[in-house]
Amino acid sequence: MLALAGGAVLSGCSGDGDRDERGGGAVGYLEQLDNRLATLDDEAAVEKAFRDYNQNLADRDFDAACRQNAPETTDKLLENLRGAAIEASTCEEAFAAVYATPAAGELLDAVVDTLDVGDVTIGRDTATIAWSVESEGQRISVTSSMRRIDGEWRLVDVD
């Protein structure tokens, strides 16, 4: 890839010198390349954070999983459990309560076992990740949101 990038930079250097001032030529190409590489880095970071989150749940490492939630996600989780008459005052207690239900634990474990990540779309400090899992013999597609908080990608889904 470096050879291709180097060739493109060299070919961009020929011609008008004033093209660099308008963002064209080698300077413009390098800026575009730098932006694309940053996007690829973010896409990989979002996917890794998402996979790590699900693996932490599968490993029952609720402390680690909770650190990967955006604050509003934890608030919504606790609210949803209260609505189901399940008492939990922390994210960790909430996940422990959910996993205490055998069917829910099995379902959540199946997510990790059949998880397939599709497209990752990056905004400035937001991202969406399309993923699917198999449930009862069918593949179900889902899109989740993530947000960069203090440099880390966090799960934001609050539906």
C-alpha atoms as a PDB file:
ATOM      1  CA  MET A   1       0.000   0.000   0.000  1.00  0.00           C
ATOM      2  CA  LEU A   2       2.876   2.371   0.738  1.00  0.00           C
ATOM      3  CA  ALA A   3       4.165   1.809  -2.776  1.00  0.00           C
ATOM      4  CA  LEU A   4       0.773   2.744  -4.210  1.00  0.00           C
ATOM      5  CA  ALA A   5       0.533   5.792  -1.974  1.00  0.00           C
ATOM      6  CA  GLY A   6       4.060   6.835  -2.911  1.00  0.00           C
ATOM      7  CA  GLY A   7       3.287   6.454  -6.612  1.00  0.00           C
ATOM      8  CA  ALA A   8       0.146   8.523  -6.273  1.00  0.00           C
ATOM      9  CA  VAL A   9       2.011  11.225  -4.373  1.00  0.00           C
ATOM     10  CA  LEU A  10       4.703  11.383  -7.023  1.00  0.00           C
ATOM     11  CA  SER A  11       2.145  11.589  -9.823  1.00  0.00           C
ATOM     12  CA  GLY A  12       0.328  14.317  -7.884  1.00  0.00           C
ATOM     13  CA  CYS A  13       3.525  16.359  -7.726  1.00  0.00           C
ATOM     14  CA  SER A  14       3.707  16.913 -11.438  1.00  0.00           C
ATOM     15  CA  GLY A  15       1.929  19.889 -12.921  1.00  0.00           C
ATOM     16  CA  ASP A  16       0.902  23.197 -11.345  1.00  0.00           C
ATOM     17  CA  GLY A  17       2.583  24.104  -8.086  1.00  0.00           C
ATOM     18  CA  ASP A  18      -0.412  26.250  -7.134  1.00  0.00           C
ATOM     19  CA  ARG A  19      -2.684  23.193  -6.858  1.00  0.00           C
ATOM     20  CA  ASP A  20      -1.261  22.491  -3.376  1.00  0.00           C
ATOM     21  CA  GLU A  21      -2.606  25.832  -2.100  1.00  0.00           C
ATOM     22  CA  ARG A  22      -6.170  24.823  -3.059  1.00  0.00           C
ATOM     23  CA  GLY A  23      -5.929  21.354  -1.493  1.00  0.00           C
ATOM     24  CA  GLY A  24      -5.141  19.546  -4.733  1.00  0.00           C
ATOM     25  CA  GLY A  25      -1.978  17.799  -5.797  1.00  0.00           C
ATOM     26  CA  ALA A  26       0.227  15.975  -3.332  1.00  0.00           C
ATOM     27  CA  VAL A  27      -0.851  17.967  -0.274  1.00  0.00           C
ATOM     28  CA  GLY A  28      -4.552  17.388  -0.971  1.00  0.00           C
ATOM     29  CA  TYR A  29      -3.943  13.711  -1.654  1.00  0.00           C
ATOM     30  CA  LEU A  30      -2.003  13.293   1.585  1.00  0.00           C
ATOM     31  CA  GLU A  31      -4.776  15.017   3.544  1.00  0.00           C
ATOM     32  CA  GLN A  32      -7.351  12.700   1.983  1.00  0.00           C
ATOM     33  CA  LEU A  33      -5.178   9.676   2.694  1.00  0.00           C
ATOM     34  CA  ASP A  34      -4.648  10.796   6.290  1.00  0.00           C
ATOM     35  CA  ASN A  35      -8.418  11.290   6.757  1.00  0.00           C
ATOM     36  CA  ARG A  36      -9.163   7.845   5.295  1.00  0.00           C
ATOM     37  CA  LEU A  37      -6.552   6.178   7.508  1.00  0.00           C
ATOM     38  CA  ALA A  38      -8.026   7.908  10.573  1.00  0.00           C
ATOM     39  CA  THR A  39     -11.485   6.661   9.562  1.00  0.00           C
ATOM     40  CA  LEU A  40     -10.158   3.118   9.139  1.00  0.00           C
ATOM     41  CA  ASP A  41      -8.544   3.354  12.589  1.00  0.00           C
ATOM     42  CA  ASP A  42     -11.848   4.530  14.071  1.00  0.00           C
ATOM     43  CA  GLU A  43     -13.782   1.779  12.289  1.00  0.00           C
ATOM     44  CA  ALA A  44     -11.422  -0.837  13.722  1.00  0.00           C
ATOM     45  CA  ALA A  45     -11.623   0.756  17.189  1.00  0.00           C
ATOM     46  CA  VAL A  46     -15.444   0.780  17.102  1.00  0.00           C
ATOM     47  CA  GLU A  47     -15.599  -2.859  16.052  1.00  0.00           C
ATOM     48  CA  LYS A  48     -13.073  -3.866  18.704  1.00  0.00           C
ATOM     49  CA  ALA A  49     -14.948  -1.962  21.430  1.00  0.00           C
ATOM     50  CA  PHE A  50     -18.214  -3.576  20.348  1.00  0.00           C
ATOM     51  CA  ARG A  51     -16.740  -7.089  20.269  1.00  0.00           C
ATOM     52  CA  ASP A  52     -14.995  -6.535  23.615  1.00  0.00           C
ATOM     53  CA  TYR A  53     -18.265  -5.356  25.164  1.00  0.00           C
ATOM     54  CA  ASN A  54     -20.080  -8.493  24.063  1.00  0.00           C
ATOM     55  CA  GLN A  55     -17.196 -10.717  25.152  1.00  0.00           C
ATOM     56  CA  ASN A  56     -17.151  -9.036  28.567  1.00  0.00           C
ATOM     57  CA  LEU A  57     -20.839  -9.855  28.933  1.00  0.00           C
ATOM     58  CA  ALA A  58     -20.237 -13.458  27.871  1.00  0.00           C
ATOM     59  CA  ASP A  59     -17.400 -13.691  30.387  1.00  0.00           C
ATOM     60  CA  ARG A  60     -19.713 -12.196  33.031  1.00  0.00           C
ATOM     61  CA  ASP A  61     -17.213  -9.376  33.529  1.00  0.00           C
ATOM     62  CA  PHE A  62     -19.966  -6.877  34.238  1.00  0.00           C
ATOM     63  CA  ASP A  63     -17.595  -4.247  35.613  1.00  0.00           C
ATOM     64  CA  ALA A  64     -15.709  -4.122  32.301  1.00  0.00           C
ATOM     65  CA  ALA A  65     -18.934  -4.174  30.250  1.00  0.00           C
ATOM     66  CA  CYS A  66     -20.418  -1.339  32.309  1.00  0.00           C
ATOM     67  CA  ARG A  67     -17.327   0.816  31.732  1.00  0.00           C
ATOM     68  CA  GLN A  68     -18.044   0.459  28.003  1.00  0.00           C
ATOM     69  CA  ASN A  69     -21.549   1.915  28.296  1.00  0.00           C
ATOM     70  CA  ALA A  70     -22.270   5.580  27.736  1.00  0.00           C
ATOM     71  CA  PRO A  71     -23.951   7.039  30.852  1.00  0.00           C
ATOM     72  CA  GLU A  72     -27.355   7.275  29.156  1.00  0.00           C
ATOM     73  CA  THR A  73     -27.159   3.592  28.253  1.00  0.00           C
ATOM     74  CA  THR A  74     -26.709   2.596  31.874  1.00  0.00           C
ATOM     75  CA  ASP A  75     -29.540   4.920  32.915  1.00  0.00           C
ATOM     76  CA  LYS A  76     -31.874   3.319  30.357  1.00  0.00           C
ATOM     77  CA  LEU A  77     -30.844  -0.196  31.398  1.00  0.00           C
ATOM     78  CA  LEU A  78     -31.697   0.544  35.028  1.00  0.00           C
ATOM     79  CA  GLU A  79     -34.975   2.191  34.010  1.00  0.00           C
ATOM     80  CA  ASN A  80     -35.971  -0.813  31.885  1.00  0.00           C
ATOM     81  CA  LEU A  81     -35.293  -3.187  34.762  1.00  0.00           C
ATOM     82  CA  ARG A  82     -37.314  -1.079  37.186  1.00  0.00           C
ATOM     83  CA  GLY A  83     -40.174  -1.267  34.680  1.00  0.00           C
ATOM     84  CA  ALA A  84     -39.881  -5.060  34.800  1.00  0.00           C
ATOM     85  CA  ALA A  85     -39.897  -4.993  38.635  1.00  0.00           C
ATOM     86  CA  ILE A  86     -36.239  -6.019  38.830  1.00  0.00           C
ATOM     87  CA  GLU A  87     -34.271  -4.168  41.474  1.00  0.00           C
ATOM     88  CA  ALA A  88     -30.796  -2.967  40.534  1.00  0.00           C
ATOM     89  CA  SER A  89     -29.036   0.234  41.535  1.00  0.00           C
ATOM     90  CA  THR A  90     -25.862  -0.147  39.474  1.00  0.00           C
ATOM     91  CA  CYS A  91     -25.029  -1.297  35.989  1.00  0.00           C
ATOM     92  CA  GLU A  92     -23.194  -4.320  37.404  1.00  0.00           C
ATOM     93  CA  GLU A  93     -26.238  -5.311  39.486  1.00  0.00           C
ATOM     94  CA  ALA A  94     -28.430  -4.871  36.427  1.00  0.00           C
ATOM     95  CA  PHE A  95     -26.360  -7.243  34.305  1.00  0.00           C
ATOM     96  CA  ALA A  96     -26.146  -9.750  37.176  1.00  0.00           C
ATOM     97  CA  ALA A  97     -29.945  -9.673  37.437  1.00  0.00           C
ATOM     98  CA  VAL A  98     -30.401 -10.134  33.692  1.00  0.00           C
ATOM     99  CA  TYR A  99     -27.955 -13.027  33.583  1.00  0.00           C
ATOM    100  CA  ALA A 100     -29.626 -14.632  36.602  1.00  0.00           C
ATOM    101  CA  THR A 101     -32.496 -15.470  34.269  1.00  0.00           C
ATOM    102  CA  PRO A 102     -31.268 -18.615  32.448  1.00  0.00           C
ATOM    103  CA  ALA A 103     -33.080 -17.882  29.174  1.00  0.00           C
ATOM    104  CA  ALA A 104     -31.676 -14.357  29.032  1.00  0.00           C
ATOM    105  CA  GLY A 105     -28.141 -15.564  29.738  1.00  0.00           C
ATOM    106  CA  GLU A 106     -28.395 -18.197  27.011  1.00  0.00           C
ATOM    107  CA  LEU A 107     -29.735 -15.639  24.555  1.00  0.00           C
ATOM    108  CA  LEU A 108     -26.966 -13.164  25.330  1.00  0.00           C
ATOM    109  CA  ASP A 109     -24.327 -15.892  25.062  1.00  0.00           C
ATOM    110  CA  ALA A 110     -25.694 -16.769  21.611  1.00  0.00           C
ATOM    111  CA  VAL A 111     -24.980 -13.192  20.555  1.00  0.00           C
ATOM    112  CA  VAL A 112     -21.253 -13.682  21.106  1.00  0.00           C
ATOM    113  CA  ASP A 113     -21.262 -17.100  19.455  1.00  0.00           C
ATOM    114  CA  THR A 114     -23.037 -15.950  16.272  1.00  0.00           C
ATOM    115  CA  LEU A 115     -22.031 -12.275  16.093  1.00  0.00           C
ATOM    116  CA  ASP A 116     -21.216 -11.026  12.614  1.00  0.00           C
ATOM    117  CA  VAL A 117     -20.176  -7.389  12.278  1.00  0.00           C
ATOM    118  CA  GLY A 118     -21.063  -5.634   9.044  1.00  0.00           C
ATOM    119  CA  ASP A 119     -20.623  -1.976   8.201  1.00  0.00           C
ATOM    120  CA  VAL A 120     -19.211   0.588  10.596  1.00  0.00           C
ATOM    121  CA  THR A 121     -20.033   4.220   9.854  1.00  0.00           C
ATOM    122  CA  ILE A 122     -18.023   6.935  11.553  1.00  0.00           C
ATOM    123  CA  GLY A 123     -19.093  10.487  12.302  1.00  0.00           C
ATOM    124  CA  ARG A 124     -16.977  12.996  14.175  1.00  0.00           C
ATOM    125  CA  ASP A 125     -17.504  11.457  17.639  1.00  0.00           C
ATOM    126  CA  THR A 126     -20.323   9.053  16.835  1.00  0.00           C
ATOM    127  CA  ALA A 127     -20.520   5.746  15.054  1.00  0.00           C
ATOM    128  CA  THR A 128     -23.039   3.170  13.972  1.00  0.00           C
ATOM    129  CA  ILE A 129     -22.249  -0.476  13.701  1.00  0.00           C
ATOM    130  CA  ALA A 130     -24.398  -2.900  11.732  1.00  0.00           C
ATOM    131  CA  TRP A 131     -24.296  -6.425  13.089  1.00  0.00           C
ATOM    132  CA  SER A 132     -26.288  -9.604  13.040  1.00  0.00           C
ATOM    133  CA  VAL A 133     -26.798 -12.700  15.161  1.00  0.00           C
ATOM    134  CA  GLU A 134     -28.533 -15.993  14.695  1.00  0.00           C
ATOM    135  CA  SER A 135     -31.632 -16.650  16.763  1.00  0.00           C
ATOM    136  CA  GLU A 136     -33.928 -19.641  16.387  1.00  0.00           C
ATOM    137  CA  GLY A 137     -32.418 -20.489  13.024  1.00  0.00           C
ATOM    138  CA  GLN A 138     -32.784 -16.986  11.579  1.00  0.00           C
ATOM    139  CA  ARG A 139     -30.240 -14.224  11.153  1.00  0.00           C
ATOM    140  CA  ILE A 140     -31.383 -10.991  12.781  1.00  0.00           C
ATOM    141  CA  SER A 141     -29.796  -7.692  11.720  1.00  0.00           C
ATOM    142  CA  VAL A 142     -29.320  -4.871  14.208  1.00  0.00           C
ATOM    143  CA  THR A 143     -27.713  -1.431  14.130  1.00  0.00           C
ATOM    144  CA  SER A 144     -26.139  -0.034  17.284  1.00  0.00           C
ATOM    145  CA  SER A 145     -24.853   3.412  18.083  1.00  0.00           C
ATOM    146  CA  MET A 146     -21.604   4.307  19.763  1.00  0.00           C
ATOM    147  CA  ARG A 147     -20.143   7.567  20.960  1.00  0.00           C
ATOM    148  CA  ARG A 148     -16.570   8.616  21.671  1.00  0.00           C
ATOM    149  CA  ILE A 149     -16.261   9.652  25.323  1.00  0.00           C
ATOM    150  CA  ASP A 150     -12.847  10.727  26.607  1.00  0.00           C
ATOM    151  CA  GLY A 151     -11.247   9.104  23.562  1.00  0.00           C
ATOM    152  CA  GLU A 152     -12.983   5.722  24.039  1.00  0.00           C
ATOM    153  CA  TRP A 153     -15.865   4.297  22.026  1.00  0.00           C
ATOM    154  CA  ARG A 154     -18.899   3.549  24.257  1.00  0.00           C
ATOM    155  CA  LEU A 155     -22.192   1.806  23.558  1.00  0.00           C
ATOM    156  CA  VAL A 156     -25.040   4.306  23.310  1.00  0.00           C
ATOM    157  CA  ASP A 157     -28.066   2.173  22.444  1.00  0.00           C
ATOM    158  CA  VAL A 158     -30.922   3.156  24.677  1.00  0.00           C
ATOM    159  CA  ASP A 159     -33.916   1.622  22.873  1.00  0.00           C
END
